């Protein structure tokens, strides 16, 4: 059994270099919600050094709120913004002798695309138009995964170790109780249930089926590095291989 372990990096957190040794895929901020050109370059170099798959992590233009503010933008505007961000990171990766592998939207862009078909379509179309060989990462069972399939993109369905789930498989909004799981034993148990059995228990106690192809580790969390080490130890005990190639 395999799982891709991804983290959102290049967002100004101190543990990026150490996390890079524990993950298989890096989603690198492209300047809209966090990051800048130099940070992108440094993070790309680190990923390539450690053999970590490199992905673009485009977000809404919302640095003040870390890309977590809901926005109602025209699909064509989102299409252009995603093109811009992917293109910037792809150029840096190419200049360093690597290849961009995937795209995973950030924050509220990700969450809205999970449930809003026009937004999901704009993102998938941008990925397709940049490079139809790129993987599109989205919330398991979401509109973004369906949009990727319509554009004949390979997709990776994502689950979260430290986020609460609703009965319909969506994440609990960060503004609501139960959105973040702070108990590490709970987060580990939830992770193993999703990876091994394809199920997650919602905040209301409902078992929800999920397809866990890639697992997100939030790199901006206070205990991200320690939890990443616990995850890797748990995967080793359970004979679950960590790899970007699943």
Protein backbone atom coordinates (compact mmCIF):
# COMPACT_ATOMS: atom_id res chain seq x y z
CA UNK A 1 0.00 0.00 0.00
CA UNK A 2 1.21 3.50 -0.89
CA UNK A 3 0.26 7.07 -0.03
CA UNK A 4 1.58 10.36 -1.35
CA UNK A 5 2.38 12.70 1.55
CA UNK A 6 2.18 16.34 0.50
CA UNK A 7 2.79 19.62 2.32
CA UNK A 8 2.14 23.26 1.48
CA UNK A 9 5.54 24.97 1.54
CA UNK A 10 7.18 28.25 0.60
CA UNK A 11 4.70 30.09 2.80
CA UNK A 12 7.23 31.59 5.21
CA UNK A 13 7.32 28.81 7.81
CA UNK A 14 10.53 27.88 9.59
CA UNK A 15 10.26 24.10 9.23
CA UNK A 16 10.19 23.85 5.43
CA UNK A 17 13.71 22.42 5.06
CA UNK A 18 13.13 19.71 7.67
CA UNK A 19 9.66 18.84 6.34
CA UNK A 20 11.14 18.39 2.88
CA UNK A 21 12.97 15.28 4.13
CA UNK A 22 9.71 13.65 5.27
CA UNK A 23 7.29 14.27 2.39
CA UNK A 24 6.96 13.00 -1.17
CA UNK A 25 5.27 16.05 -2.77
CA UNK A 26 5.63 19.79 -2.16
CA UNK A 27 2.94 22.33 -3.04
CA UNK A 28 4.84 25.60 -3.41
CA UNK A 29 3.12 28.95 -2.88
CA UNK A 30 3.22 31.09 -6.01
CA UNK A 31 3.09 34.61 -4.58
CA UNK A 32 -0.63 35.39 -4.42
CA UNK A 33 -1.48 34.20 -0.91
CA UNK A 34 2.13 33.80 0.30
CA UNK A 35 5.69 33.48 -0.96
CA UNK A 36 7.73 35.43 -3.45
CA UNK A 37 10.15 34.77 -6.29
CA UNK A 38 13.18 34.11 -4.09
CA UNK A 39 11.26 31.88 -1.70
CA UNK A 40 9.93 29.92 -4.66
CA UNK A 41 13.46 29.44 -5.98
CA UNK A 42 14.86 28.30 -2.63
CA UNK A 43 11.96 25.91 -2.05
CA UNK A 44 12.20 24.42 -5.54
CA UNK A 45 15.92 23.81 -5.10
CA UNK A 46 15.29 22.08 -1.78
CA UNK A 47 12.58 19.87 -3.28
CA UNK A 48 14.76 18.83 -6.20
CA UNK A 49 17.68 18.12 -3.84
CA UNK A 50 15.56 15.72 -1.81
CA UNK A 51 13.78 14.08 -4.75
CA UNK A 52 10.41 15.56 -3.79
CA UNK A 53 7.80 16.07 -6.52
CA UNK A 54 7.19 19.77 -7.16
CA UNK A 55 3.73 21.26 -7.50
CA UNK A 56 2.25 24.73 -7.88
CA UNK A 57 0.04 25.98 -5.05
CA UNK A 58 -1.97 28.86 -6.55
CA UNK A 59 -4.34 30.86 -4.37
CA UNK A 60 -6.59 33.87 -4.33
CA UNK A 61 -4.84 37.30 -4.30
CA UNK A 62 -5.25 37.62 -0.55
CA UNK A 63 -1.93 37.94 1.26
CA UNK A 64 -3.55 39.81 4.16
CA UNK A 65 -5.64 36.76 5.12
CA UNK A 66 -3.36 33.99 3.79
CA UNK A 67 -5.73 33.17 0.94
CA UNK A 68 -8.53 32.19 3.31
CA UNK A 69 -11.08 34.86 2.37
CA UNK A 70 -14.01 33.81 0.18
CA UNK A 71 -14.01 35.65 -3.15
CA UNK A 72 -16.56 35.77 -5.94
CA UNK A 73 -14.38 36.29 -9.00
CA UNK A 74 -15.33 35.72 -12.61
CA UNK A 75 -14.19 32.29 -13.84
CA UNK A 76 -12.09 33.94 -16.55
CA UNK A 77 -10.30 35.99 -13.88
CA UNK A 78 -9.55 32.85 -11.89
CA UNK A 79 -8.38 31.13 -15.07
CA UNK A 80 -5.92 33.95 -15.76
CA UNK A 81 -4.68 34.08 -12.16
CA UNK A 82 -4.07 30.32 -12.04
CA UNK A 83 -2.28 30.42 -15.41
CA UNK A 84 -0.06 33.20 -14.10
CA UNK A 85 0.87 31.40 -10.91
CA UNK A 86 1.52 28.02 -12.51
CA UNK A 87 3.61 29.66 -15.20
CA UNK A 88 5.79 31.49 -12.69
CA UNK A 89 6.63 28.37 -10.72
CA UNK A 90 7.03 26.21 -13.82
CA UNK A 91 9.67 28.63 -15.15
CA UNK A 92 11.65 28.43 -11.91
CA UNK A 93 11.44 24.63 -11.81
CA UNK A 94 12.54 24.36 -15.43
CA UNK A 95 15.47 26.74 -14.87
CA UNK A 96 16.66 24.47 -12.05
CA UNK A 97 16.58 21.39 -14.27
CA UNK A 98 13.36 19.96 -12.88
CA UNK A 99 9.80 19.47 -14.05
CA UNK A 100 6.56 20.67 -12.55
CA UNK A 101 4.44 17.65 -11.62
CA UNK A 102 1.16 18.83 -10.17
CA UNK A 103 -1.14 21.70 -9.21
CA UNK A 104 -3.04 21.99 -5.95
CA UNK A 105 -5.10 25.12 -5.23
CA UNK A 106 -4.70 26.76 -1.84
CA UNK A 107 -7.08 27.69 0.96
CA UNK A 108 -10.38 29.24 0.01
CA UNK A 109 -9.72 28.80 -3.71
CA UNK A 110 -9.44 25.06 -3.02
CA UNK A 111 -12.52 24.99 -0.80
CA UNK A 112 -14.73 26.95 -3.18
CA UNK A 113 -13.57 24.88 -6.15
CA UNK A 114 -14.60 21.77 -4.24
CA UNK A 115 -18.26 22.82 -4.46
CA UNK A 116 -18.51 25.45 -7.23
CA UNK A 117 -18.44 23.90 -10.73
CA UNK A 118 -17.60 27.12 -12.66
CA UNK A 119 -14.59 27.80 -10.43
CA UNK A 120 -13.46 24.18 -10.60
CA UNK A 121 -13.76 24.31 -14.39
CA UNK A 122 -11.63 27.46 -14.61
CA UNK A 123 -8.85 25.88 -12.56
CA UNK A 124 -8.90 22.59 -14.47
CA UNK A 125 -8.92 24.45 -17.79
CA UNK A 126 -5.88 26.48 -16.73
CA UNK A 127 -3.98 23.36 -15.71
CA UNK A 128 -4.89 21.67 -18.99
CA UNK A 129 -3.85 24.69 -21.05
CA UNK A 130 -0.47 24.98 -19.33
CA UNK A 131 0.39 21.28 -19.57
CA UNK A 132 -2.12 18.48 -19.90
CA UNK A 133 0.46 16.17 -18.34
CA UNK A 134 0.15 17.91 -14.97
CA UNK A 135 -1.70 16.20 -12.13
CA UNK A 136 -4.59 18.09 -10.53
CA UNK A 137 -4.99 17.61 -6.78
CA UNK A 138 -8.36 18.26 -5.18
CA UNK A 139 -10.52 17.25 -2.24
CA UNK A 140 -11.62 13.62 -2.59
CA UNK A 141 -14.97 13.40 -4.37
CA UNK A 142 -15.10 17.12 -5.12
CA UNK A 143 -16.16 19.23 -8.09
CA UNK A 144 -12.48 19.92 -8.78
CA UNK A 145 -11.80 16.21 -9.27
CA UNK A 146 -14.80 15.98 -11.60
CA UNK A 147 -13.61 19.03 -13.57
CA UNK A 148 -10.17 17.49 -13.96
CA UNK A 149 -11.72 14.34 -15.38
CA UNK A 150 -13.71 16.40 -17.90
CA UNK A 151 -10.45 17.90 -19.17
CA UNK A 152 -8.87 14.44 -19.24
CA UNK A 153 -6.34 15.37 -16.57
CA UNK A 154 -4.90 12.80 -14.22
CA UNK A 155 -6.15 13.65 -10.74
CA UNK A 156 -5.14 12.86 -7.19
CA UNK A 157 -7.87 12.74 -4.57
CA UNK A 158 -6.75 14.34 -1.34
CA UNK A 159 -7.55 13.75 2.31
CA UNK A 160 -6.51 15.67 5.43
CA UNK A 161 -4.99 14.32 8.60
CA UNK A 162 -5.86 17.30 10.78
CA UNK A 163 -9.18 18.59 9.43
CA UNK A 164 -12.68 17.73 10.50
CA UNK A 165 -15.11 16.34 7.92
CA UNK A 166 -18.80 17.00 7.34
CA UNK A 167 -21.34 14.27 6.61
CA UNK A 168 -21.10 14.95 2.84
CA UNK A 169 -17.31 14.54 2.73
CA UNK A 170 -16.54 18.25 2.69
CA UNK A 171 -14.17 19.82 5.19
CA UNK A 172 -15.60 21.63 8.18
CA UNK A 173 -15.08 25.37 7.49
CA UNK A 174 -12.30 26.88 9.58
CA UNK A 175 -14.81 29.33 11.07
CA UNK A 176 -16.75 26.49 12.70
CA UNK A 177 -16.01 24.28 15.72
CA UNK A 178 -14.35 20.98 14.85
CA UNK A 179 -12.56 22.29 11.78
CA UNK A 180 -9.08 21.51 13.10
CA UNK A 181 -7.99 18.34 14.87
CA UNK A 182 -5.41 19.26 17.48
CA UNK A 183 -5.21 15.87 19.20
CA UNK A 184 -2.40 14.03 17.42
CA UNK A 185 -3.69 10.55 18.34
CA UNK A 186 -7.05 11.45 16.80
CA UNK A 187 -5.34 12.79 13.66
CA UNK A 188 -3.22 9.64 13.32
CA UNK A 189 -6.24 7.37 13.77
CA UNK A 190 -8.22 9.36 11.20
CA UNK A 191 -5.33 9.17 8.75
CA UNK A 192 -4.92 5.41 9.04
CA UNK A 193 -8.67 4.90 8.66
CA UNK A 194 -8.72 6.92 5.45
CA UNK A 195 -5.62 5.35 3.96
CA UNK A 196 -6.29 1.74 4.98
CA UNK A 197 -10.08 1.57 4.85
CA UNK A 198 -11.20 4.53 2.72
CA UNK A 199 -13.40 5.89 5.49
CA UNK A 200 -13.47 8.97 7.72
CA UNK A 201 -15.81 9.66 10.62
CA UNK A 202 -17.54 13.04 10.34
CA UNK A 203 -17.91 15.43 13.27
CA UNK A 204 -21.45 14.03 13.64
CA UNK A 205 -20.22 10.44 13.88
CA UNK A 206 -21.16 9.45 10.32
CA UNK A 207 -18.80 7.16 8.40
CA UNK A 208 -18.00 8.79 5.05
CA UNK A 209 -16.27 7.00 2.18
CA UNK A 210 -13.18 8.76 0.78
CA UNK A 211 -10.52 7.82 -1.74
CA UNK A 212 -7.16 8.63 -0.15
CA UNK A 213 -4.53 9.00 -2.86
CA UNK A 214 -2.59 11.89 -1.35
CA UNK A 215 -2.51 13.12 2.25
CA UNK A 216 -2.03 16.77 3.16
CA UNK A 217 0.24 17.71 6.03
CA UNK A 218 -0.20 21.39 6.86
CA UNK A 219 3.27 22.91 6.90
CA UNK A 220 2.11 26.04 8.71
CA UNK A 221 0.94 24.23 11.83
CA UNK A 222 2.67 24.77 15.14
CA UNK A 223 3.55 21.09 15.49
CA UNK A 224 3.83 20.21 11.80
CA UNK A 225 7.35 18.79 11.97
CA UNK A 226 6.72 16.62 15.02
CA UNK A 227 3.44 15.35 13.54
CA UNK A 228 5.13 14.59 10.21
CA UNK A 229 7.62 12.37 12.06
CA UNK A 230 4.78 10.62 13.84
CA UNK A 231 3.01 10.05 10.55
CA UNK A 232 6.09 8.53 8.95
CA UNK A 233 6.60 6.26 11.97
CA UNK A 234 2.96 5.13 11.83
CA UNK A 235 3.21 4.45 8.10
CA UNK A 236 6.36 2.38 8.65
CA UNK A 237 4.61 0.30 11.33
CA UNK A 238 1.64 -0.26 9.03
CA UNK A 239 3.81 -1.07 5.97
CA UNK A 240 2.45 1.92 4.08
CA UNK A 241 4.99 3.28 1.62
CA UNK A 242 5.27 7.04 1.07
CA UNK A 243 5.71 7.91 -2.59
CA UNK A 244 4.60 10.49 -5.15
CA UNK A 245 4.14 7.61 -7.59
CA UNK A 246 1.01 5.81 -6.47
